[in-house]
PDB file of N, CA and C in Angstrom:
ATOM      1  N   MET A   1      32.891 199.979 333.851  1.00  0.00           N
ATOM      2  CA  MET A   1      31.951 198.897 333.728  1.00  0.00           C
ATOM      3  C   MET A   1      32.302 197.824 334.747  1.00  0.00           C
ATOM      4  N   ARG A   2      31.256 197.390 335.531  1.00  0.00           N
ATOM      5  CA  ARG A   2      31.499 196.313 336.521  1.00  0.00           C
ATOM      6  C   ARG A   2      31.633 195.015 335.797  1.00  0.00           C
ATOM      7  N   THR A   3      32.462 194.137 336.398  1.00  0.00           N
ATOM      8  CA  THR A   3      32.456 192.721 335.925  1.00  0.00           C
ATOM      9  C   THR A   3      31.176 192.012 336.422  1.00  0.00           C
ATOM     10  N   PRO A   4      30.465 191.473 335.434  1.00  0.00           N
ATOM     11  CA  PRO A   4      29.156 190.814 335.869  1.00  0.00           C
ATOM     12  C   PRO A   4      29.436 189.628 336.742  1.00  0.00           C
ATOM     13  N   GLY A   5      28.521 189.360 337.720  1.00  0.00           N
ATOM     14  CA  GLY A   5      28.519 188.165 338.543  1.00  0.00           C
ATOM     15  C   GLY A   5      27.819 187.071 337.836  1.00  0.00           C
ATOM     16  N   PRO A   6      27.776 185.888 338.322  1.00  0.00           N
ATOM     17  CA  PRO A   6      28.303 185.557 339.662  1.00  0.00           C
ATOM     18  C   PRO A   6      29.865 185.428 339.599  1.00  0.00           C
ATOM     19  N   TRP A   7      30.530 185.613 340.781  1.00  0.00           N
ATOM     20  CA  TRP A   7      31.955 185.500 340.825  1.00  0.00           C
ATOM     21  C   TRP A   7      32.140 184.170 341.686  1.00  0.00           C
ATOM     22  N   ILE A   8      33.377 183.613 341.463  1.00  0.00           N
ATOM     23  CA  ILE A   8      33.738 182.402 342.256  1.00  0.00           C
ATOM     24  C   ILE A   8      35.086 182.602 342.892  1.00  0.00           C
ATOM     25  N   ALA A   9      35.218 182.132 344.085  1.00  0.00           N
ATOM     26  CA  ALA A   9      36.567 182.046 344.706  1.00  0.00           C
ATOM     27  C   ALA A   9      37.279 180.874 344.175  1.00  0.00           C
ATOM     28  N   HIS A  10      38.575 181.017 343.870  1.00  0.00           N
ATOM     29  CA  HIS A  10      39.295 179.988 343.183  1.00  0.00           C
ATOM     30  C   HIS A  10      40.746 179.951 343.726  1.00  0.00           C
ATOM     31  N   ASP A  11      41.306 178.734 343.864  1.00  0.00           N
ATOM     32  CA  ASP A  11      42.708 178.612 344.191  1.00  0.00           C
ATOM     33  C   ASP A  11      43.436 178.326 342.835  1.00  0.00           C
ATOM     34  N   ASP A  12      44.045 179.435 342.429  1.00  0.00           N
ATOM     35  CA  ASP A  12      44.600 179.397 341.012  1.00  0.00           C
ATOM     36  C   ASP A  12      45.621 178.350 340.794  1.00  0.00           C
ATOM     37  N   ASP A  13      46.476 178.074 341.783  1.00  0.00           N
ATOM     38  CA  ASP A  13      47.484 177.041 341.405  1.00  0.00           C
ATOM     39  C   ASP A  13      47.346 175.785 342.128  1.00  0.00           C
ATOM     40  N   GLY A  14      46.199 175.580 342.946  1.00  0.00           N
ATOM     41  CA  GLY A  14      46.034 174.381 343.648  1.00  0.00           C
ATOM     42  C   GLY A  14      46.775 174.203 344.974  1.00  0.00           C
ATOM     43  N   THR A  15      47.590 175.116 345.348  1.00  0.00           N
ATOM     44  CA  THR A  15      48.428 175.003 346.452  1.00  0.00           C
ATOM     45  C   THR A  15      47.968 175.895 347.679  1.00  0.00           C
ATOM     46  N   GLY A  16      46.972 176.778 347.373  1.00  0.00           N
ATOM     47  CA  GLY A  16      46.525 177.713 348.447  1.00  0.00           C
ATOM     48  C   GLY A  16      47.261 178.966 348.473  1.00  0.00           C
ATOM     49  N   THR A  17      48.197 179.068 347.605  1.00  0.00           N
ATOM     50  CA  THR A  17      48.975 180.363 347.689  1.00  0.00           C
ATOM     51  C   THR A  17      48.603 181.377 346.670  1.00  0.00           C
ATOM     52  N   LEU A  18      47.730 181.153 345.764  1.00  0.00           N
ATOM     53  CA  LEU A  18      47.165 182.126 344.841  1.00  0.00           C
ATOM     54  C   LEU A  18      45.683 182.323 344.785  1.00  0.00           C
ATOM     55  N   PRO A  19      45.020 182.611 345.943  1.00  0.00           N
ATOM     56  CA  PRO A  19      43.615 182.683 345.813  1.00  0.00           C
ATOM     57  C   PRO A  19      43.165 183.896 345.032  1.00  0.00           C
ATOM     58  N   CYS A  20      42.167 183.690 344.163  1.00  0.00           N
ATOM     59  CA  CYS A  20      41.689 184.673 343.353  1.00  0.00           C
ATOM     60  C   CYS A  20      40.068 184.698 343.181  1.00  0.00           C
ATOM     61  N   VAL A  21      39.518 185.627 342.583  1.00  0.00           N
ATOM     62  CA  VAL A  21      38.175 185.659 342.339  1.00  0.00           C
ATOM     63  C   VAL A  21      37.927 185.767 340.783  1.00  0.00           C
ATOM     64  N   LEU A  22      37.132 184.929 340.237  1.00  0.00           N
ATOM     65  CA  LEU A  22      36.951 184.780 338.869  1.00  0.00           C
ATOM     66  C   LEU A  22      35.527 185.040 338.433  1.00  0.00           C
ATOM     67  N   SER A  23      35.352 185.443 337.140  1.00  0.00           N
ATOM     68  CA  SER A  23      33.989 185.514 336.595  1.00  0.00           C
ATOM     69  C   SER A  23      34.101 184.886 335.228  1.00  0.00           C
ATOM     70  N   ASP A  24      33.117 184.107 334.833  1.00  0.00           N
ATOM     71  CA  ASP A  24      33.124 183.512 333.564  1.00  0.00           C
ATOM     72  C   ASP A  24      32.209 184.288 332.574  1.00  0.00           C
ATOM     73  N   LYS A  25      31.710 185.434 332.942  1.00  0.00           N
ATOM     74  CA  LYS A  25      30.803 186.162 332.181  1.00  0.00           C
ATOM     75  C   LYS A  25      31.496 187.186 331.234  1.00  0.00           C
ATOM     76  N   VAL A  26      32.794 187.404 331.320  1.00  0.00           N
ATOM     77  CA  VAL A  26      33.454 188.408 330.652  1.00  0.00           C
ATOM     78  C   VAL A  26      33.845 187.949 329.169  1.00  0.00           C
ATOM     79  N   ASN A  27      34.396 186.767 329.024  1.00  0.00           N
ATOM     80  CA  ASN A  27      34.641 186.296 327.603  1.00  0.00           C
ATOM     81  C   ASN A  27      34.397 184.723 327.590  1.00  0.00           C
ATOM     82  N   ALA A  28      34.179 184.403 326.264  1.00  0.00           N
ATOM     83  CA  ALA A  28      33.812 183.044 326.045  1.00  0.00           C
ATOM     84  C   ALA A  28      34.964 182.119 326.160  1.00  0.00           C
ATOM     85  N   GLY A  29      36.243 182.559 326.124  1.00  0.00           N
ATOM     86  CA  GLY A  29      37.383 181.724 326.118  1.00  0.00           C
ATOM     87  C   GLY A  29      37.813 181.293 327.455  1.00  0.00           C
ATOM     88  N   GLY A  30      37.169 181.709 328.551  1.00  0.00           N
ATOM     89  CA  GLY A  30      37.559 181.185 329.796  1.00  0.00           C
ATOM     90  C   GLY A  30      37.229 182.116 330.883  1.00  0.00           C
ATOM     91  N   ASN A  31      37.846 182.007 332.039  1.00  0.00           N
ATOM     92  CA  ASN A  31      37.570 182.854 333.154  1.00  0.00           C
ATOM     93  C   ASN A  31      38.267 184.093 333.098  1.00  0.00           C
ATOM     94  N   PHE A  32      37.827 185.217 333.845  1.00  0.00           N
ATOM     95  CA  PHE A  32      38.411 186.444 333.870  1.00  0.00           C
ATOM     96  C   PHE A  32      38.666 186.757 335.412  1.00  0.00           C
ATOM     97  N   TYR A  33      39.851 187.203 335.640  1.00  0.00           N
ATOM     98  CA  TYR A  33      40.306 187.603 337.055  1.00  0.00           C
ATOM     99  C   TYR A  33      39.506 188.863 337.461  1.00  0.00           C
ATOM    100  N   VAL A  34      38.842 188.784 338.571  1.00  0.00           N
ATOM    101  CA  VAL A  34      38.198 189.951 339.192  1.00  0.00           C
ATOM    102  C   VAL A  34      39.148 190.517 340.230  1.00  0.00           C
ATOM    103  N   ALA A  35      39.688 189.634 341.046  1.00  0.00           N
ATOM    104  CA  ALA A  35      40.671 190.151 342.112  1.00  0.00           C
ATOM    105  C   ALA A  35      41.575 188.959 342.451  1.00  0.00           C
ATOM    106  N   GLN A  36      42.846 189.430 342.877  1.00  0.00           N
ATOM    107  CA  GLN A  36      43.749 188.573 343.498  1.00  0.00           C
ATOM    108  C   GLN A  36      43.806 188.804 344.970  1.00  0.00           C
ATOM    109  N   CYS A  37      43.704 187.814 345.783  1.00  0.00           N
ATOM    110  CA  CYS A  37      43.577 188.007 347.216  1.00  0.00           C
ATOM    111  C   CYS A  37      44.752 187.453 348.068  1.00  0.00           C
ATOM    112  N   ASN A  38      44.947 187.793 349.271  1.00  0.00           N
ATOM    113  CA  ASN A  38      45.986 187.342 350.065  1.00  0.00           C
ATOM    114  C   ASN A  38      45.624 186.031 350.734  1.00  0.00           C
ATOM    115  N   ASN A  39      44.409 185.681 350.855  1.00  0.00           N
ATOM    116  CA  ASN A  39      43.931 184.341 351.452  1.00  0.00           C
ATOM    117  C   ASN A  39      42.645 183.955 350.881  1.00  0.00           C
ATOM    118  N   PHE A  40      42.364 182.663 351.013  1.00  0.00           N
ATOM    119  CA  PHE A  40      41.157 182.234 350.429  1.00  0.00           C
ATOM    120  C   PHE A  40      39.790 182.708 351.071  1.00  0.00           C
ATOM    121  N   GLU A  41      39.904 182.964 352.384  1.00  0.00           N
ATOM    122  CA  GLU A  41      38.747 183.565 353.035  1.00  0.00           C
ATOM    123  C   GLU A  41      38.367 184.955 352.440  1.00  0.00           C
ATOM    124  N   ASP A  42      39.439 185.774 352.094  1.00  0.00           N
ATOM    125  CA  ASP A  42      39.118 187.028 351.456  1.00  0.00           C
ATOM    126  C   ASP A  42      38.508 186.845 349.982  1.00  0.00           C
ATOM    127  N   ALA A  43      39.068 185.739 349.353  1.00  0.00           N
ATOM    128  CA  ALA A  43      38.543 185.439 348.022  1.00  0.00           C
ATOM    129  C   ALA A  43      36.973 185.106 348.097  1.00  0.00           C
ATOM    130  N   ILE A  44      36.648 184.316 349.038  1.00  0.00           N
ATOM    131  CA  ILE A  44      35.304 183.860 349.320  1.00  0.00           C
ATOM    132  C   ILE A  44      34.413 185.151 349.587  1.00  0.00           C
ATOM    133  N   LEU A  45      34.867 186.049 350.490  1.00  0.00           N
ATOM    134  CA  LEU A  45      34.139 187.260 350.775  1.00  0.00           C
ATOM    135  C   LEU A  45      33.944 188.117 349.434  1.00  0.00           C
ATOM    136  N   CYS A  46      35.033 188.291 348.735  1.00  0.00           N
ATOM    137  CA  CYS A  46      34.956 189.167 347.473  1.00  0.00           C
ATOM    138  C   CYS A  46      34.111 188.500 346.470  1.00  0.00           C
ATOM    139  N   ALA A  47      34.070 187.182 346.384  1.00  0.00           N
ATOM    140  CA  ALA A  47      33.251 186.458 345.376  1.00  0.00           C
ATOM    141  C   ALA A  47      31.766 186.625 345.688  1.00  0.00           C
ATOM    142  N   SER A  48      31.454 186.931 346.901  1.00  0.00           N
ATOM    143  CA  SER A  48      30.017 187.117 347.342  1.00  0.00           C
ATOM    144  C   SER A  48      29.530 188.552 347.121  1.00  0.00           C
ATOM    145  N   ALA A  49      30.392 189.361 346.574  1.00  0.00           N
ATOM    146  CA  ALA A  49      29.923 190.848 346.498  1.00  0.00           C
ATOM    147  C   ALA A  49      28.869 191.128 345.566  1.00  0.00           C
ATOM    148  N   PRO A  50      28.762 190.468 344.388  1.00  0.00           N
ATOM    149  CA  PRO A  50      27.503 190.815 343.591  1.00  0.00           C
ATOM    150  C   PRO A  50      26.180 190.456 344.314  1.00  0.00           C
ATOM    151  N   GLU A  51      26.208 189.237 344.913  1.00  0.00           N
ATOM    152  CA  GLU A  51      24.964 188.830 345.666  1.00  0.00           C
ATOM    153  C   GLU A  51      24.689 189.659 346.946  1.00  0.00           C
ATOM    154  N   LEU A  52      25.774 190.088 347.595  1.00  0.00           N
ATOM    155  CA  LEU A  52      25.513 190.981 348.785  1.00  0.00           C
ATOM    156  C   LEU A  52      25.030 192.324 348.392  1.00  0.00           C
ATOM    157  N   LEU A  53      25.508 192.824 347.204  1.00  0.00           N
ATOM    158  CA  LEU A  53      24.919 194.116 346.841  1.00  0.00           C
ATOM    159  C   LEU A  53      23.494 193.895 346.419  1.00  0.00           C
ATOM    160  N   GLU A  54      23.178 192.945 345.636  1.00  0.00           N
ATOM    161  CA  GLU A  54      21.715 192.708 345.290  1.00  0.00           C
ATOM    162  C   GLU A  54      20.892 192.457 346.516  1.00  0.00           C
ATOM    163  N   ALA A  55      21.307 191.765 347.582  1.00  0.00           N
ATOM    164  CA  ALA A  55      20.549 191.569 348.734  1.00  0.00           C
ATOM    165  C   ALA A  55      20.386 192.913 349.544  1.00  0.00           C
ATOM    166  N   CYS A  56      21.402 193.716 349.669  1.00  0.00           N
ATOM    167  CA  CYS A  56      21.240 195.038 350.213  1.00  0.00           C
ATOM    168  C   CYS A  56      20.177 195.958 349.620  1.00  0.00           C
ATOM    169  N   LYS A  57      20.166 195.828 348.253  1.00  0.00           N
ATOM    170  CA  LYS A  57      19.200 196.624 347.495  1.00  0.00           C
ATOM    171  C   LYS A  57      17.769 196.104 347.748  1.00  0.00           C
ATOM    172  N   ALA A  58      17.603 194.796 347.772  1.00  0.00           N
ATOM    173  CA  ALA A  58      16.379 194.183 348.013  1.00  0.00           C
ATOM    174  C   ALA A  58      15.827 194.521 349.403  1.00  0.00           C
ATOM    175  N   VAL A  59      16.682 194.433 350.400  1.00  0.00           N
ATOM    176  CA  VAL A  59      16.293 194.677 351.780  1.00  0.00           C
ATOM    177  C   VAL A  59      15.927 196.159 351.870  1.00  0.00           C
ATOM    178  N   LEU A  60      16.750 197.066 351.303  1.00  0.00           N
ATOM    179  CA  LEU A  60      16.410 198.513 351.426  1.00  0.00           C
ATOM    180  C   LEU A  60      15.075 198.787 350.775  1.00  0.00           C
ATOM    181  N   SER A  61      14.694 198.191 349.543  1.00  0.00           N
ATOM    182  CA  SER A  61      13.431 198.385 349.008  1.00  0.00           C
ATOM    183  C   SER A  61      12.249 197.896 349.883  1.00  0.00           C
ATOM    184  N   ASP A  62      12.564 196.981 350.786  1.00  0.00           N
ATOM    185  CA  ASP A  62      11.537 196.416 351.664  1.00  0.00           C
ATOM    186  C   ASP A  62      11.309 197.125 352.883  1.00  0.00           C
ATOM    187  N   LEU A  63      12.120 198.240 353.183  1.00  0.00           N
ATOM    188  CA  LEU A  63      12.017 198.904 354.466  1.00  0.00           C
ATOM    189  C   LEU A  63      10.955 199.944 354.561  1.00  0.00           C
ATOM    190  N   ASN A  64      10.082 200.052 353.578  1.00  0.00           N
ATOM    191  CA  ASN A  64       9.023 201.070 353.587  1.00  0.00           C
ATOM    192  C   ASN A  64       9.427 202.426 353.813  1.00  0.00           C
ATOM    193  N   PHE A  65      10.433 202.954 352.980  1.00  0.00           N
ATOM    194  CA  PHE A  65      10.818 204.283 353.100  1.00  0.00           C
ATOM    195  C   PHE A  65       9.713 205.246 352.533  1.00  0.00           C
ATOM    196  N   ASN A  66       9.356 206.222 353.357  1.00  0.00           N
ATOM    197  CA  ASN A  66       8.300 207.201 352.865  1.00  0.00           C
ATOM    198  C   ASN A  66       9.035 208.409 352.180  1.00  0.00           C
ATOM    199  N   HIS A  67       8.840 208.425 350.926  1.00  0.00           N
ATOM    200  CA  HIS A  67       9.519 209.401 350.048  1.00  0.00           C
ATOM    201  C   HIS A  67       8.930 210.857 350.332  1.00  0.00           C
ATOM    202  N   ARG A  68       7.658 210.927 350.906  1.00  0.00           N
ATOM    203  CA  ARG A  68       7.097 212.229 351.074  1.00  0.00           C
ATOM    204  C   ARG A  68       7.745 212.907 352.237  1.00  0.00           C
ATOM    205  N   ASN A  69       8.024 212.204 353.347  1.00  0.00           N
ATOM    206  CA  ASN A  69       8.593 212.810 354.536  1.00  0.00           C
ATOM    207  C   ASN A  69      10.101 212.516 354.727  1.00  0.00           C
ATOM    208  N   GLY A  70      10.667 211.629 353.863  1.00  0.00           N
ATOM    209  CA  GLY A  70      12.136 211.360 353.906  1.00  0.00           C
ATOM    210  C   GLY A  70      12.390 210.500 355.105  1.00  0.00           C
ATOM    211  N   LYS A  71      11.564 209.727 355.657  1.00  0.00           N
ATOM    212  CA  LYS A  71      11.792 208.928 356.826  1.00  0.00           C
ATOM    213  C   LYS A  71      11.288 207.439 356.592  1.00  0.00           C
ATOM    214  N   TYR A  72      11.868 206.547 357.491  1.00  0.00           N
ATOM    215  CA  TYR A  72      11.444 205.135 357.483  1.00  0.00           C
ATOM    216  C   TYR A  72      10.357 204.957 358.501  1.00  0.00           C
ATOM    217  N   LYS A  73       9.733 203.907 358.582  1.00  0.00           N
ATOM    218  CA  LYS A  73       8.601 203.567 359.499  1.00  0.00           C
ATOM    219  C   LYS A  73       8.936 203.585 360.906  1.00  0.00           C
ATOM    220  N   ASN A  74      10.186 203.251 361.301  1.00  0.00           N
ATOM    221  CA  ASN A  74      10.574 203.309 362.617  1.00  0.00           C
ATOM    222  C   ASN A  74      12.133 203.437 362.836  1.00  0.00           C
ATOM    223  N   ALA A  75      12.673 203.569 364.007  1.00  0.00           N
ATOM    224  CA  ALA A  75      14.017 203.851 364.245  1.00  0.00           C
ATOM    225  C   ALA A  75      14.972 202.692 363.815  1.00  0.00           C
ATOM    226  N   ILE A  76      14.532 201.457 363.920  1.00  0.00           N
ATOM    227  CA  ILE A  76      15.275 200.330 363.509  1.00  0.00           C
ATOM    228  C   ILE A  76      15.381 200.376 361.978  1.00  0.00           C
ATOM    229  N   SER A  77      14.301 200.634 361.321  1.00  0.00           N
ATOM    230  CA  SER A  77      14.266 200.763 359.852  1.00  0.00           C
ATOM    231  C   SER A  77      15.110 201.943 359.439  1.00  0.00           C
ATOM    232  N   ASP A  78      15.037 203.080 360.195  1.00  0.00           N
ATOM    233  CA  ASP A  78      15.881 204.230 359.847  1.00  0.00           C
ATOM    234  C   ASP A  78      17.407 203.922 359.815  1.00  0.00           C
ATOM    235  N   TYR A  79      17.828 203.192 360.924  1.00  0.00           N
ATOM    236  CA  TYR A  79      19.256 202.792 361.072  1.00  0.00           C
ATOM    237  C   TYR A  79      19.645 201.862 359.929  1.00  0.00           C
ATOM    238  N   ALA A  80      18.827 200.889 359.826  1.00  0.00           N
ATOM    239  CA  ALA A  80      19.078 199.873 358.733  1.00  0.00           C
ATOM    240  C   ALA A  80      19.075 200.491 357.306  1.00  0.00           C
ATOM    241  N   GLY A  81      18.156 201.339 357.098  1.00  0.00           N
ATOM    242  CA  GLY A  81      18.084 202.028 355.839  1.00  0.00           C
ATOM    243  C   GLY A  81      19.342 202.825 355.528  1.00  0.00           C
ATOM    244  N   ARG A  82      19.776 203.696 356.531  1.00  0.00           N
ATOM    245  CA  ARG A  82      21.006 204.470 356.408  1.00  0.00           C
ATOM    246  C   ARG A  82      22.182 203.557 356.145  1.00  0.00           C
ATOM    247  N   LEU A  83      22.332 202.538 356.866  1.00  0.00           N
ATOM    248  CA  LEU A  83      23.496 201.570 356.755  1.00  0.00           C
ATOM    249  C   LEU A  83      23.464 200.932 355.396  1.00  0.00           C
ATOM    250  N   LEU A  84      22.340 200.530 354.912  1.00  0.00           N
ATOM    251  CA  LEU A  84      22.303 199.930 353.590  1.00  0.00           C
ATOM    252  C   LEU A  84      22.610 200.933 352.518  1.00  0.00           C
ATOM    253  N   LEU A  85      22.075 202.172 352.588  1.00  0.00           N
ATOM    254  CA  LEU A  85      22.351 203.204 351.692  1.00  0.00           C
ATOM    255  C   LEU A  85      23.873 203.442 351.603  1.00  0.00           C
ATOM    256  N   ALA A  86      24.571 203.543 352.708  1.00  0.00           N
ATOM    257  CA  ALA A  86      25.944 203.759 352.730  1.00  0.00           C
ATOM    258  C   ALA A  86      26.773 202.595 352.243  1.00  0.00           C
ATOM    259  N   THR A  87      26.339 201.459 352.495  1.00  0.00           N
ATOM    260  CA  THR A  87      26.974 200.229 351.960  1.00  0.00           C
ATOM    261  C   THR A  87      26.797 200.124 350.495  1.00  0.00           C
ATOM    262  N   ILE A  88      25.647 200.325 349.932  1.00  0.00           N
ATOM    263  CA  ILE A  88      25.392 200.430 348.476  1.00  0.00           C
ATOM    264  C   ILE A  88      26.204 201.397 347.877  1.00  0.00           C
ATOM    265  N   ALA A  89      26.223 202.681 348.437  1.00  0.00           N
ATOM    266  CA  ALA A  89      27.049 203.691 347.819  1.00  0.00           C
ATOM    267  C   ALA A  89      28.536 203.297 347.722  1.00  0.00           C
ATOM    268  N   LYS A  90      29.055 202.771 348.859  1.00  0.00           N
ATOM    269  CA  LYS A  90      30.446 202.321 348.864  1.00  0.00           C
ATOM    270  C   LYS A  90      30.633 201.241 347.690  1.00  0.00           C
ATOM    271  N   ALA A  91      29.746 200.332 347.713  1.00  0.00           N
ATOM    272  CA  ALA A  91      29.899 199.219 346.626  1.00  0.00           C
ATOM    273  C   ALA A  91      29.897 199.749 345.242  1.00  0.00           C
ATOM    274  N   GLU A  92      29.137 200.845 345.080  1.00  0.00           N
ATOM    275  CA  GLU A  92      29.047 201.429 343.743  1.00  0.00           C
ATOM    276  C   GLU A  92      30.048 202.500 343.546  1.00  0.00           C
ATOM    277  N   GLY A  93      30.979 202.774 344.361  1.00  0.00           N
ATOM    278  CA  GLY A  93      32.050 203.650 344.219  1.00  0.00           C
ATOM    279  C   GLY A  93      31.527 205.177 344.302  1.00  0.00           C
ATOM    280  N   LYS A  94      30.508 205.378 345.084  1.00  0.00           N
ATOM    281  CA  LYS A  94      29.946 206.750 345.215  1.00  0.00           C
ATOM    282  C   LYS A  94      30.410 207.392 346.515  1.00  0.00           C
TER     283      LYS A  94
END
């Protein structure tokens, strides 16, 4: 089961040495660690993952994929669609 978003990047000890990603959706008693990161920039990127996955799915659905012939409307849409499908699959562990 995935940890529900939204996630937030957090500096756990206030010194910049323990960047992490938290979710407050897991328990009512406080935040839940999603990830421990090596630097705050990675924590920011990780924290954006739920929204990035949602955005990829929204854009993919807007590319006008033709299910009858298995193609997109043009080459740019075809490339973007395949890239989005691969990204979504990776994010979902497939």
